[in-house]
C-alpha cells in the first residue's frame, strides 16, 4: 500500500520522502501535514479504484483488507479514516455485496489460496 501511495504522490508532483514512507508503514505518531497529504492522496486513489470497479486484487482498496496483519500501520489507519469519512459524506458507496456464484467463487479462492 505504501508503494502505491508513493507512486501516486510522485505522479501528483508531491513525492514523499523515505522517512515519511517509513512512518506510514509503521505504527507511530504522524505530523499533521503528512497525515493531511496522505489522506488527500489516498482519497484520489480510492476514487480511481471505485471507478475501476474494484476488479484488480492488487489494487489499493483490495490491499486494505490485508494491511492490518499482524500490526496496524499508519497507512491502514489513514485509509480506513478516509473510507469512513467518504462513506459518511456519500463520496464512497459501500462495496458491492457478492451473491450467488460470485460469493461461492470468492470463498473458494480463499480456501484455495496458498498460505
Protein backbone atom coordinates (compact mmCIF):
# COMPACT_ATOMS: atom_id res chain seq x y z
CA UNK A 1 0.00 0.00 0.00
CA UNK A 2 2.82 2.37 0.83
CA UNK A 3 4.38 1.72 -2.57
CA UNK A 4 1.11 2.53 -4.34
CA UNK A 5 0.76 5.70 -2.26
CA UNK A 6 4.35 6.72 -3.07
CA UNK A 7 3.77 6.21 -6.80
CA UNK A 8 0.56 8.25 -6.70
CA UNK A 9 2.25 11.05 -4.74
CA UNK A 10 5.11 11.13 -7.23
CA UNK A 11 2.74 11.31 -10.20
CA UNK A 12 0.86 14.16 -8.44
CA UNK A 13 4.14 16.10 -8.17
CA UNK A 14 4.19 15.87 -4.37
CA UNK A 15 6.60 12.98 -3.72
CA UNK A 16 7.02 11.62 -0.23
CA UNK A 17 10.45 11.33 1.38
CA UNK A 18 11.81 7.96 2.51
CA UNK A 19 11.33 8.90 6.19
CA UNK A 20 7.66 9.75 5.54
CA UNK A 21 7.07 6.45 3.78
CA UNK A 22 8.70 4.65 6.69
CA UNK A 23 6.43 6.45 9.16
CA UNK A 24 3.37 5.47 7.10
CA UNK A 25 4.39 1.82 7.17
CA UNK A 26 4.73 1.72 10.96
CA UNK A 27 2.60 2.37 14.00
CA UNK A 28 3.74 5.78 15.26
CA UNK A 29 2.67 9.38 15.52
CA UNK A 30 2.42 11.34 12.27
CA UNK A 31 2.93 15.05 11.66
CA UNK A 32 -0.38 16.70 10.79
CA UNK A 33 0.91 17.89 7.39
CA UNK A 34 1.91 14.34 6.41
CA UNK A 35 -1.40 12.94 7.60
CA UNK A 36 -3.35 15.52 5.57
CA UNK A 37 -1.24 14.92 2.45
CA UNK A 38 -1.57 11.14 2.77
CA UNK A 39 -5.34 11.34 3.28
CA UNK A 40 -5.73 13.53 0.19
CA UNK A 41 -3.71 11.12 -1.95
CA UNK A 42 -5.49 8.06 -0.52
CA UNK A 43 -8.82 9.68 -1.40
CA UNK A 44 -7.69 10.12 -5.01
CA UNK A 45 -6.56 6.50 -5.20
CA UNK A 46 -9.81 5.20 -3.71
CA UNK A 47 -11.91 7.23 -6.14
CA UNK A 48 -9.94 5.78 -9.05
CA UNK A 49 -10.32 2.25 -7.61
CA UNK A 50 -14.06 2.77 -7.26
CA UNK A 51 -14.35 3.98 -10.85
CA UNK A 52 -12.42 0.88 -11.97
CA UNK A 53 -14.91 -1.30 -10.10
CA UNK A 54 -12.58 -2.87 -7.51
CA UNK A 55 -11.62 -5.52 -10.08
CA UNK A 56 -7.85 -5.64 -9.51
CA UNK A 57 -6.96 -7.82 -6.49
CA UNK A 58 -3.69 -5.86 -6.17
CA UNK A 59 -5.45 -2.51 -6.05
CA UNK A 60 -5.07 -0.15 -3.11
CA UNK A 61 -8.62 -0.88 -1.93
CA UNK A 62 -8.10 -4.63 -2.04
CA UNK A 63 -4.80 -4.29 -0.15
CA UNK A 64 -6.55 -2.65 2.79
CA UNK A 65 -8.09 -5.98 3.77
CA UNK A 66 -4.63 -7.44 4.43
CA UNK A 67 -2.81 -4.37 5.77
CA UNK A 68 -3.75 -4.88 9.40
CA UNK A 69 -1.97 -8.23 9.83
CA UNK A 70 -0.20 -8.53 12.25
CA UNK A 71 0.25 -4.83 13.02
CA UNK A 72 -1.84 -1.78 12.30
CA UNK A 73 0.35 0.58 10.26
CA UNK A 74 -0.50 4.25 9.78
CA UNK A 75 -1.36 3.74 6.11
CA UNK A 76 -4.15 1.31 7.05
CA UNK A 77 -5.47 3.67 9.73
CA UNK A 78 -5.46 6.66 7.38
CA UNK A 79 -7.14 4.68 4.61
CA UNK A 80 -9.87 3.48 6.95
CA UNK A 81 -10.39 7.07 8.10
CA UNK A 82 -10.73 8.26 4.50
CA UNK A 83 -13.15 5.44 3.65
CA UNK A 84 -15.33 6.05 6.71
CA UNK A 85 -15.40 9.81 6.12
CA UNK A 86 -16.14 9.24 2.42
CA UNK A 87 -18.98 6.82 3.14
CA UNK A 88 -20.47 9.18 5.73
CA UNK A 89 -20.44 12.02 3.20
CA UNK A 90 -21.69 9.81 0.35
CA UNK A 91 -18.46 10.19 -1.63
CA UNK A 92 -17.68 6.45 -1.46
CA UNK A 93 -20.52 3.95 -1.77
CA UNK A 94 -20.39 0.63 0.00
CA UNK A 95 -18.61 -2.07 -1.99
CA UNK A 96 -20.94 -4.43 -3.83
CA UNK A 97 -22.04 -7.43 -1.83
CA UNK A 98 -21.38 -10.72 -3.51
CA UNK A 99 -24.34 -13.02 -4.13
CA UNK A 100 -24.73 -16.43 -5.69
CA UNK A 101 -21.78 -17.69 -7.72
CA UNK A 102 -19.75 -14.55 -7.05
CA UNK A 103 -19.83 -15.32 -3.33
CA UNK A 104 -19.05 -19.00 -3.92
CA UNK A 105 -16.06 -18.16 -6.16
CA UNK A 106 -14.76 -15.69 -3.58
CA UNK A 107 -14.98 -18.27 -0.77
CA UNK A 108 -13.35 -20.97 -2.92
CA UNK A 109 -10.49 -18.67 -3.88
CA UNK A 110 -9.90 -18.02 -0.17
CA UNK A 111 -9.86 -21.75 0.58
CA UNK A 112 -7.54 -22.46 -2.35
CA UNK A 113 -5.13 -19.61 -1.57
CA UNK A 114 -1.53 -20.50 -0.87
CA UNK A 115 -0.62 -19.56 2.67
